[in-house]
Amino acid sequence: NKRVQMEEGNLLDPEGRPTTDPGVMFPELRGAL
């Protein structure tokens, strides 16, 4: 909602790769914590 990136080491993208983009979880849940 704030349109900011996450810190590294928290998220995976839909291919299982590390990412800092909260867009992999919102508005549609595609990645993983």
Full PDB file with SEQRES, HELIX, SHEET, SSBOND, CRYST1, ORIGX, SCALE, CONECT and MASTER records, all heavy atoms in Angstrom:
SEQRES   1 A   33  ASN LYS ARG VAL GLN MET GLU GLU GLY ASN LEU LEU ASP          
SEQRES   2 A   33  PRO GLU GLY ARG PRO THR THR ASP PRO GLY VAL MET PHE          
SEQRES   3 A   33  PRO GLU LEU ARG GLY ALA LEU                                  
HELIX    1 AA1 PRO A   22  VAL A   24  5                                   3    
CRYST1    1.000    1.000    1.000  90.00  90.00  90.00 P 1           1          
ORIGX1      1.000000  0.000000  0.000000        0.00000                         
ORIGX2      0.000000  1.000000  0.000000        0.00000                         
ORIGX3      0.000000  0.000000  1.000000        0.00000                         
SCALE1      1.000000  0.000000  0.000000        0.00000                         
SCALE2      0.000000  1.000000  0.000000        0.00000                         
SCALE3      0.000000  0.000000  1.000000        0.00000                         
ATOM      1  N   ASN A   1       0.821  -1.213   0.000  1.00  0.00           N  
ATOM      2  CA  ASN A   1       0.000   0.000   0.000  1.00  0.00           C  
ATOM      3  C   ASN A   1       0.854   1.262   0.000  1.00  0.00           C  
ATOM      4  O   ASN A   1       0.472   2.290  -0.566  1.00  0.00           O  
ATOM      5  CB  ASN A   1      -0.933   0.005   1.208  1.00  0.00           C  
ATOM      6  CG  ASN A   1      -2.109  -0.938   1.041  1.00  0.00           C  
ATOM      7  OD1 ASN A   1      -2.429  -1.368  -0.071  1.00  0.00           O  
ATOM      8  ND2 ASN A   1      -2.756  -1.285   2.140  1.00  0.00           N  
ATOM      9  N   LYS A   2       2.012   1.199   0.644  1.00  0.00           N  
ATOM     10  CA  LYS A   2       2.913   2.351   0.682  1.00  0.00           C  
ATOM     11  C   LYS A   2       3.764   2.450  -0.575  1.00  0.00           C  
ATOM     12  O   LYS A   2       4.488   3.428  -0.754  1.00  0.00           O  
ATOM     13  CB  LYS A   2       3.832   2.256   1.903  1.00  0.00           C  
ATOM     14  CG  LYS A   2       3.136   2.459   3.236  1.00  0.00           C  
ATOM     15  CD  LYS A   2       4.157   2.362   4.377  1.00  0.00           C  
ATOM     16  CE  LYS A   2       3.506   2.626   5.718  1.00  0.00           C  
ATOM     17  NZ  LYS A   2       4.485   2.510   6.843  1.00  0.00           N  
ATOM     18  N   ARG A   3       3.710   1.396  -1.411  1.00  0.00           N  
ATOM     19  CA  ARG A   3       4.503   1.326  -2.629  1.00  0.00           C  
ATOM     20  C   ARG A   3       6.005   1.371  -2.329  1.00  0.00           C  
ATOM     21  O   ARG A   3       6.780   2.094  -2.975  1.00  0.00           O  
ATOM     22  CB  ARG A   3       4.109   2.441  -3.609  1.00  0.00           C  
ATOM     23  CG  ARG A   3       2.639   2.439  -4.006  1.00  0.00           C  
ATOM     24  CD  ARG A   3       2.261   1.153  -4.739  1.00  0.00           C  
ATOM     25  NE  ARG A   3       0.923   1.209  -5.312  1.00  0.00           N  
ATOM     26  CZ  ARG A   3      -0.158   0.653  -4.759  1.00  0.00           C  
ATOM     27  NH1 ARG A   3      -0.049  -0.017  -3.616  1.00  0.00           N  
ATOM     28  NH2 ARG A   3      -1.341   0.736  -5.343  1.00  0.00           N  
ATOM     29  N   VAL A   4       6.415   0.574  -1.334  1.00  0.00           N  
ATOM     30  CA  VAL A   4       7.835   0.469  -0.997  1.00  0.00           C  
ATOM     31  C   VAL A   4       8.263  -0.993  -1.099  1.00  0.00           C  
ATOM     32  O   VAL A   4       7.429  -1.904  -1.037  1.00  0.00           O  
ATOM     33  CB  VAL A   4       8.130   0.997   0.425  1.00  0.00           C  
ATOM     34  CG1 VAL A   4       7.793   2.474   0.525  1.00  0.00           C  
ATOM     35  CG2 VAL A   4       7.374   0.200   1.485  1.00  0.00           C  
ATOM     36  N   GLN A   5       9.549  -1.210  -1.252  1.00  0.00           N  
ATOM     37  CA  GLN A   5      10.093  -2.556  -1.337  1.00  0.00           C  
ATOM     38  C   GLN A   5      10.284  -3.155   0.061  1.00  0.00           C  
ATOM     39  O   GLN A   5      10.442  -2.434   1.048  1.00  0.00           O  
ATOM     40  CB  GLN A   5      11.437  -2.544  -2.071  1.00  0.00           C  
ATOM     41  CG  GLN A   5      11.342  -2.130  -3.541  1.00  0.00           C  
ATOM     42  CD  GLN A   5      10.640  -3.178  -4.383  1.00  0.00           C  
ATOM     43  OE1 GLN A   5      11.151  -4.286  -4.564  1.00  0.00           O  
ATOM     44  NE2 GLN A   5       9.483  -2.826  -4.934  1.00  0.00           N  
ATOM     45  N   MET A   6      10.276  -4.475   0.120  1.00  0.00           N  
ATOM     46  CA  MET A   6      10.563  -5.175   1.369  1.00  0.00           C  
ATOM     47  C   MET A   6      12.072  -5.307   1.551  1.00  0.00           C  
ATOM     48  O   MET A   6      12.850  -5.155   0.592  1.00  0.00           O  
ATOM     49  CB  MET A   6       9.949  -6.574   1.345  1.00  0.00           C  
ATOM     50  CG  MET A   6       8.454  -6.622   1.104  1.00  0.00           C  
ATOM     51  SD  MET A   6       7.503  -5.865   2.433  1.00  0.00           S  
ATOM     52  CE  MET A   6       7.954  -6.926   3.808  1.00  0.00           C  
ATOM     53  N   GLU A   7      12.495  -5.607   2.778  1.00  0.00           N  
ATOM     54  CA  GLU A   7      13.899  -5.942   2.997  1.00  0.00           C  
ATOM     55  C   GLU A   7      14.195  -7.302   2.383  1.00  0.00           C  
ATOM     56  O   GLU A   7      13.318  -8.154   2.223  1.00  0.00           O  
ATOM     57  CB  GLU A   7      14.210  -5.966   4.498  1.00  0.00           C  
ATOM     58  CG  GLU A   7      14.122  -4.603   5.162  1.00  0.00           C  
ATOM     59  CD  GLU A   7      14.510  -4.666   6.630  1.00  0.00           C  
ATOM     60  OE1 GLU A   7      14.849  -5.776   7.101  1.00  0.00           O  
ATOM     61  OE2 GLU A   7      14.464  -3.625   7.300  1.00  0.00           O  
ATOM     62  N   GLU A   8      15.446  -7.528   2.046  1.00  0.00           N  
ATOM     63  CA  GLU A   8      15.848  -8.809   1.470  1.00  0.00           C  
ATOM     64  C   GLU A   8      15.704  -9.932   2.497  1.00  0.00           C  
ATOM     65  O   GLU A   8      15.786  -9.710   3.702  1.00  0.00           O  
ATOM     66  CB  GLU A   8      17.300  -8.740   0.977  1.00  0.00           C  
ATOM     67  CG  GLU A   8      17.498  -7.784  -0.203  1.00  0.00           C  
ATOM     68  CD  GLU A   8      18.930  -7.786  -0.681  1.00  0.00           C  
ATOM     69  OE1 GLU A   8      19.769  -8.472  -0.063  1.00  0.00           O  
ATOM     70  OE2 GLU A   8      19.216  -7.106  -1.691  1.00  0.00           O  
ATOM     71  N   GLY A   9      15.463 -11.130   1.991  1.00  0.00           N  
ATOM     72  CA  GLY A   9      15.433 -12.305   2.855  1.00  0.00           C  
ATOM     73  C   GLY A   9      14.083 -12.648   3.430  1.00  0.00           C  
ATOM     74  O   GLY A   9      13.993 -13.492   4.331  1.00  0.00           O  
ATOM     75  N   ASN A  10      13.010 -12.030   2.908  1.00  0.00           N  
ATOM     76  CA  ASN A  10      11.670 -12.284   3.428  1.00  0.00           C  
ATOM     77  C   ASN A  10      10.726 -12.962   2.449  1.00  0.00           C  
ATOM     78  O   ASN A  10       9.782 -13.643   2.873  1.00  0.00           O  
ATOM     79  CB  ASN A  10      11.018 -10.965   3.876  1.00  0.00           C  
ATOM     80  CG  ASN A  10      11.652 -10.401   5.126  1.00  0.00           C  
ATOM     81  OD1 ASN A  10      11.757 -11.072   6.128  1.00  0.00           O  
ATOM     82  ND2 ASN A  10      12.095  -9.150   5.041  1.00  0.00           N  
ATOM     83  N   LEU A  11      10.955 -12.769   1.139  1.00  0.00           N  
ATOM     84  CA  LEU A  11       9.985 -13.180   0.128  1.00  0.00           C  
ATOM     85  C   LEU A  11      10.612 -14.026  -0.968  1.00  0.00           C  
ATOM     86  O   LEU A  11      11.794 -13.867  -1.300  1.00  0.00           O  
ATOM     87  CB  LEU A  11       9.350 -11.947  -0.529  1.00  0.00           C  
ATOM     88  CG  LEU A  11       8.489 -11.020   0.317  1.00  0.00           C  
ATOM     89  CD1 LEU A  11       8.118  -9.784  -0.495  1.00  0.00           C  
ATOM     90  CD2 LEU A  11       7.240 -11.736   0.784  1.00  0.00           C  
ATOM     91  N   LEU A  12       9.767 -14.908  -1.536  1.00  0.00           N  
ATOM     92  CA  LEU A  12      10.112 -15.625  -2.757  1.00  0.00           C  
ATOM     93  C   LEU A  12       9.114 -15.241  -3.835  1.00  0.00           C  
ATOM     94  O   LEU A  12       7.926 -15.034  -3.556  1.00  0.00           O  
ATOM     95  CB  LEU A  12      10.044 -17.140  -2.531  1.00  0.00           C  
ATOM     96  CG  LEU A  12      10.974 -17.753  -1.487  1.00  0.00           C  
ATOM     97  CD1 LEU A  12      10.704 -19.244  -1.367  1.00  0.00           C  
ATOM     98  CD2 LEU A  12      12.439 -17.495  -1.820  1.00  0.00           C  
ATOM     99  N   ASP A  13       9.587 -15.166  -5.077  1.00  0.00           N  
ATOM    100  CA  ASP A  13       8.672 -14.888  -6.179  1.00  0.00           C  
ATOM    101  C   ASP A  13       7.997 -16.183  -6.626  1.00  0.00           C  
ATOM    102  O   ASP A  13       8.277 -17.265  -6.074  1.00  0.00           O  
ATOM    103  CB  ASP A  13       9.402 -14.172  -7.321  1.00  0.00           C  
ATOM    104  CG  ASP A  13      10.400 -15.056  -8.069  1.00  0.00           C  
ATOM    105  OD1 ASP A  13      10.376 -16.301  -7.891  1.00  0.00           O  
ATOM    106  OD2 ASP A  13      11.194 -14.508  -8.842  1.00  0.00           O  
ATOM    107  N   PRO A  14       7.085 -16.144  -7.605  1.00  0.00           N  
ATOM    108  CA  PRO A  14       6.367 -17.359  -8.001  1.00  0.00           C  
ATOM    109  C   PRO A  14       7.262 -18.495  -8.493  1.00  0.00           C  
ATOM    110  O   PRO A  14       6.847 -19.653  -8.499  1.00  0.00           O  
ATOM    111  CB  PRO A  14       5.438 -16.869  -9.124  1.00  0.00           C  
ATOM    112  CG  PRO A  14       5.221 -15.427  -8.820  1.00  0.00           C  
ATOM    113  CD  PRO A  14       6.523 -14.947  -8.263  1.00  0.00           C  
ATOM    114  N   GLU A  15       8.493 -18.171  -8.880  1.00  0.00           N  
ATOM    115  CA  GLU A  15       9.434 -19.205  -9.316  1.00  0.00           C  
ATOM    116  C   GLU A  15      10.335 -19.688  -8.189  1.00  0.00           C  
ATOM    117  O   GLU A  15      11.260 -20.476  -8.411  1.00  0.00           O  
ATOM    118  CB  GLU A  15      10.308 -18.661 -10.460  1.00  0.00           C  
ATOM    119  CG  GLU A  15       9.580 -18.576 -11.798  1.00  0.00           C  
ATOM    120  CD  GLU A  15       8.538 -17.471 -11.823  1.00  0.00           C  
ATOM    121  OE1 GLU A  15       8.868 -16.339 -11.387  1.00  0.00           O  
ATOM    122  OE2 GLU A  15       7.395 -17.735 -12.258  1.00  0.00           O  
ATOM    123  N   GLY A  16      10.074 -19.208  -6.959  1.00  0.00           N  
ATOM    124  CA  GLY A  16      10.873 -19.645  -5.815  1.00  0.00           C  
ATOM    125  C   GLY A  16      12.185 -18.910  -5.655  1.00  0.00           C  
ATOM    126  O   GLY A  16      13.060 -19.358  -4.903  1.00  0.00           O  
ATOM    127  N   ARG A  17      12.325 -17.757  -6.322  1.00  0.00           N  
ATOM    128  CA  ARG A  17      13.553 -16.977  -6.226  1.00  0.00           C  
ATOM    129  C   ARG A  17      13.377 -15.827  -5.238  1.00  0.00           C  
ATOM    130  O   ARG A  17      12.286 -15.254  -5.142  1.00  0.00           O  
ATOM    131  CB  ARG A  17      13.919 -16.410  -7.602  1.00  0.00           C  
ATOM    132  CG  ARG A  17      14.156 -17.466  -8.673  1.00  0.00           C  
ATOM    133  CD  ARG A  17      14.309 -16.855 -10.043  1.00  0.00           C  
ATOM    134  NE  ARG A  17      13.136 -16.078 -10.421  1.00  0.00           N  
ATOM    135  CZ  ARG A  17      12.837 -15.736 -11.674  1.00  0.00           C  
ATOM    136  NH1 ARG A  17      13.637 -16.096 -12.662  1.00  0.00           N  
ATOM    137  NH2 ARG A  17      11.761 -15.014 -11.934  1.00  0.00           N  
ATOM    138  N   PRO A  18      14.434 -15.442  -4.525  1.00  0.00           N  
ATOM    139  CA  PRO A  18      14.338 -14.327  -3.572  1.00  0.00           C  
ATOM    140  C   PRO A  18      13.930 -13.037  -4.274  1.00  0.00           C  
ATOM    141  O   PRO A  18      14.354 -12.763  -5.405  1.00  0.00           O  
ATOM    142  CB  PRO A  18      15.755 -14.221  -3.005  1.00  0.00           C  
ATOM    143  CG  PRO A  18      16.349 -15.572  -3.202  1.00  0.00           C  
ATOM    144  CD  PRO A  18      15.768 -16.075  -4.497  1.00  0.00           C  
ATOM    145  N   THR A  19      13.092 -12.249  -3.610  1.00  0.00           N  
ATOM    146  CA  THR A  19      12.643 -10.974  -4.163  1.00  0.00           C  
ATOM    147  C   THR A  19      12.349 -10.002  -3.033  1.00  0.00           C  
ATOM    148  O   THR A  19      12.160 -10.419  -1.881  1.00  0.00           O  
ATOM    149  CB  THR A  19      11.380 -11.151  -5.036  1.00  0.00           C  
ATOM    150  OG1 THR A  19      11.007  -9.876  -5.596  1.00  0.00           O  
ATOM    151  CG2 THR A  19      10.211 -11.667  -4.208  1.00  0.00           C  
ATOM    152  N   THR A  20      12.320  -8.722  -3.355  1.00  0.00           N  
ATOM    153  CA  THR A  20      11.929  -7.691  -2.383  1.00  0.00           C  
ATOM    154  C   THR A  20      10.616  -7.032  -2.780  1.00  0.00           C  
ATOM    155  O   THR A  20      10.187  -6.074  -2.145  1.00  0.00           O  
ATOM    156  CB  THR A  20      13.018  -6.601  -2.268  1.00  0.00           C  
ATOM    157  OG1 THR A  20      13.201  -5.983  -3.543  1.00  0.00           O  
ATOM    158  CG2 THR A  20      14.340  -7.199  -1.779  1.00  0.00           C  
ATOM    159  N   ASP A  21       9.959  -7.538  -3.814  1.00  0.00           N  
ATOM    160  CA  ASP A  21       8.746  -6.931  -4.361  1.00  0.00           C  
ATOM    161  C   ASP A  21       7.505  -7.429  -3.623  1.00  0.00           C  
ATOM    162  O   ASP A  21       7.129  -8.600  -3.755  1.00  0.00           O  
ATOM    163  CB  ASP A  21       8.639  -7.275  -5.840  1.00  0.00           C  
ATOM    164  CG  ASP A  21       7.378  -6.703  -6.489  1.00  0.00           C  
ATOM    165  OD1 ASP A  21       6.721  -5.847  -5.858  1.00  0.00           O  
ATOM    166  OD2 ASP A  21       7.057  -7.123  -7.621  1.00  0.00           O  
ATOM    167  N   PRO A  22       6.804  -6.550  -2.851  1.00  0.00           N  
ATOM    168  CA  PRO A  22       5.581  -6.997  -2.170  1.00  0.00           C  
ATOM    169  C   PRO A  22       4.466  -7.346  -3.144  1.00  0.00           C  
ATOM    170  O   PRO A  22       3.476  -7.983  -2.765  1.00  0.00           O  
ATOM    171  CB  PRO A  22       5.202  -5.797  -1.295  1.00  0.00           C  
ATOM    172  CG  PRO A  22       5.801  -4.617  -1.987  1.00  0.00           C  
ATOM    173  CD  PRO A  22       7.080  -5.122  -2.598  1.00  0.00           C  
ATOM    174  N   GLY A  23       4.630  -6.975  -4.419  1.00  0.00           N  
ATOM    175  CA  GLY A  23       3.639  -7.282  -5.434  1.00  0.00           C  
ATOM    176  C   GLY A  23       3.509  -8.769  -5.724  1.00  0.00           C  
ATOM    177  O   GLY A  23       2.552  -9.176  -6.384  1.00  0.00           O  
ATOM    178  N   VAL A  24       4.445  -9.596  -5.225  1.00  0.00           N  
ATOM    179  CA  VAL A  24       4.292 -11.042  -5.418  1.00  0.00           C  
ATOM    180  C   VAL A  24       3.241 -11.609  -4.458  1.00  0.00           C  
ATOM    181  O   VAL A  24       2.826 -12.767  -4.608  1.00  0.00           O  
ATOM    182  CB  VAL A  24       5.626 -11.794  -5.250  1.00  0.00           C  
ATOM    183  CG1 VAL A  24       6.661 -11.284  -6.227  1.00  0.00           C  
ATOM    184  CG2 VAL A  24       6.153 -11.716  -3.813  1.00  0.00           C  
ATOM    185  N   MET A  25       2.811 -10.792  -3.463  1.00  0.00           N  
ATOM    186  CA  MET A  25       1.815 -11.246  -2.501  1.00  0.00           C  
ATOM    187  C   MET A  25       0.512 -10.444  -2.586  1.00  0.00           C  
ATOM    188  O   MET A  25      -0.537 -10.909  -2.147  1.00  0.00           O  
ATOM    189  CB  MET A  25       2.375 -11.129  -1.069  1.00  0.00           C  
ATOM    190  CG  MET A  25       3.724 -11.803  -0.858  1.00  0.00           C  
ATOM    191  SD  MET A  25       3.730 -13.570  -1.178  1.00  0.00           S  
ATOM    192  CE  MET A  25       2.928 -14.179   0.299  1.00  0.00           C  
ATOM    193  N   PHE A  26       0.578  -9.234  -3.121  1.00  0.00           N  
ATOM    194  CA  PHE A  26      -0.598  -8.358  -3.256  1.00  0.00           C  
ATOM    195  C   PHE A  26      -0.544  -7.679  -4.610  1.00  0.00           C  
ATOM    196  O   PHE A  26       0.547  -7.341  -5.087  1.00  0.00           O  
ATOM    197  CB  PHE A  26      -0.607  -7.294  -2.146  1.00  0.00           C  
ATOM    198  CG  PHE A  26      -0.917  -7.830  -0.786  1.00  0.00           C  
ATOM    199  CD1 PHE A  26       0.101  -8.221   0.073  1.00  0.00           C  
ATOM    200  CD2 PHE A  26      -2.225  -7.988  -0.357  1.00  0.00           C  
ATOM    201  CE1 PHE A  26      -0.183  -8.728   1.320  1.00  0.00           C  
ATOM    202  CE2 PHE A  26      -2.518  -8.488   0.888  1.00  0.00           C  
ATOM    203  CZ  PHE A  26      -1.499  -8.860   1.745  1.00  0.00           C  
ATOM    204  N   PRO A  27      -1.693  -7.470  -5.262  1.00  0.00           N  
ATOM    205  CA  PRO A  27      -3.037  -7.795  -4.786  1.00  0.00           C  
ATOM    206  C   PRO A  27      -3.393  -9.271  -4.914  1.00  0.00           C  
ATOM    207  O   PRO A  27      -4.378  -9.728  -4.356  1.00  0.00           O  
ATOM    208  CB  PRO A  27      -3.936  -6.943  -5.687  1.00  0.00           C  
ATOM    209  CG  PRO A  27      -3.167  -6.846  -6.963  1.00  0.00           C  
ATOM    210  CD  PRO A  27      -1.718  -6.760  -6.550  1.00  0.00           C  
ATOM    211  N   GLU A  28      -2.572 -10.013  -5.677  1.00  0.00           N  
ATOM    212  CA  GLU A  28      -2.816 -11.453  -5.827  1.00  0.00           C  
ATOM    213  C   GLU A  28      -1.670 -12.221  -5.196  1.00  0.00           C  
ATOM    214  O   GLU A  28      -0.495 -11.900  -5.403  1.00  0.00           O  
ATOM    215  CB  GLU A  28      -2.944 -11.822  -7.314  1.00  0.00           C  
ATOM    216  CG  GLU A  28      -3.212 -13.291  -7.559  1.00  0.00           C  
ATOM    217  CD  GLU A  28      -3.237 -13.637  -9.034  1.00  0.00           C  
ATOM    218  OE1 GLU A  28      -3.165 -12.708  -9.854  1.00  0.00           O  
ATOM    219  OE2 GLU A  28      -3.310 -14.831  -9.355  1.00  0.00           O  
ATOM    220  N   LEU A  29      -2.013 -13.254  -4.421  1.00  0.00           N  
ATOM    221  CA  LEU A  29      -0.998 -14.033  -3.719  1.00  0.00           C  
ATOM    222  C   LEU A  29      -0.368 -15.022  -4.699  1.00  0.00           C  
ATOM    223  O   LEU A  29      -0.979 -16.017  -5.088  1.00  0.00           O  
ATOM    224  CB  LEU A  29      -1.646 -14.769  -2.537  1.00  0.00           C  
ATOM    225  CG  LEU A  29      -0.749 -15.220  -1.396  1.00  0.00           C  
ATOM    226  CD1 LEU A  29      -1.599 -15.558  -0.185  1.00  0.00           C  
ATOM    227  CD2 LEU A  29       0.110 -16.405  -1.762  1.00  0.00           C  
ATOM    228  N   ARG A  30       0.880 -14.729  -5.119  1.00  0.00           N  
ATOM    229  CA  ARG A  30       1.561 -15.585  -6.089  1.00  0.00           C  
ATOM    230  C   ARG A  30       2.874 -16.151  -5.554  1.00  0.00           C  
ATOM    231  O   ARG A  30       3.296 -17.228  -5.932  1.00  0.00           O  
ATOM    232  CB  ARG A  30       1.841 -14.795  -7.379  1.00  0.00           C  
ATOM    233  CG  ARG A  30       0.578 -14.288  -8.063  1.00  0.00           C  
ATOM    234  CD  ARG A  30       0.900 -13.445  -9.280  1.00  0.00           C  
ATOM    235  NE  ARG A  30       1.591 -12.195  -8.909  1.00  0.00           N  
ATOM    236  CZ  ARG A  30       2.823 -11.886  -9.268  1.00  0.00           C  
ATOM    237  NH1 ARG A  30       3.524 -12.715 -10.026  1.00  0.00           N  
ATOM    238  NH2 ARG A  30       3.365 -10.738  -8.894  1.00  0.00           N  
ATOM    239  N   GLY A  31       3.537 -15.394  -4.684  1.00  0.00           N  
ATOM    240  CA  GLY A  31       4.818 -15.826  -4.153  1.00  0.00           C  
ATOM    241  C   GLY A  31       4.690 -16.476  -2.784  1.00  0.00           C  
ATOM    242  O   GLY A  31       3.666 -17.095  -2.479  1.00  0.00           O  
ATOM    243  N   ALA A  32       5.715 -16.309  -1.950  1.00  0.00           N  
ATOM    244  CA  ALA A  32       5.688 -16.927  -0.622  1.00  0.00           C  
ATOM    245  C   ALA A  32       6.566 -16.145   0.344  1.00  0.00           C  
ATOM    246  O   ALA A  32       7.608 -15.596  -0.035  1.00  0.00           O  
ATOM    247  CB  ALA A  32       6.178 -18.371  -0.688  1.00  0.00           C  
ATOM    248  N   LEU A  33       6.124 -16.088   1.591  1.00  0.00           N  
ATOM    249  CA  LEU A  33       6.960 -15.613   2.684  1.00  0.00           C  
ATOM    250  C   LEU A  33       7.894 -16.731   3.107  1.00  0.00           C  
ATOM    251  O   LEU A  33       7.619 -17.923   2.854  1.00  0.00           O  
ATOM    252  CB  LEU A  33       6.089 -15.215   3.881  1.00  0.00           C  
ATOM    253  CG  LEU A  33       5.166 -14.024   3.722  1.00  0.00           C  
ATOM    254  CD1 LEU A  33       4.104 -14.032   4.820  1.00  0.00           C  
ATOM    255  CD2 LEU A  33       5.954 -12.735   3.769  1.00  0.00           C  
TER     256      LEU A  33                                                      
MASTER        0    0    0    1    0    0    0    6  255    1    0    3          
END                                                                             
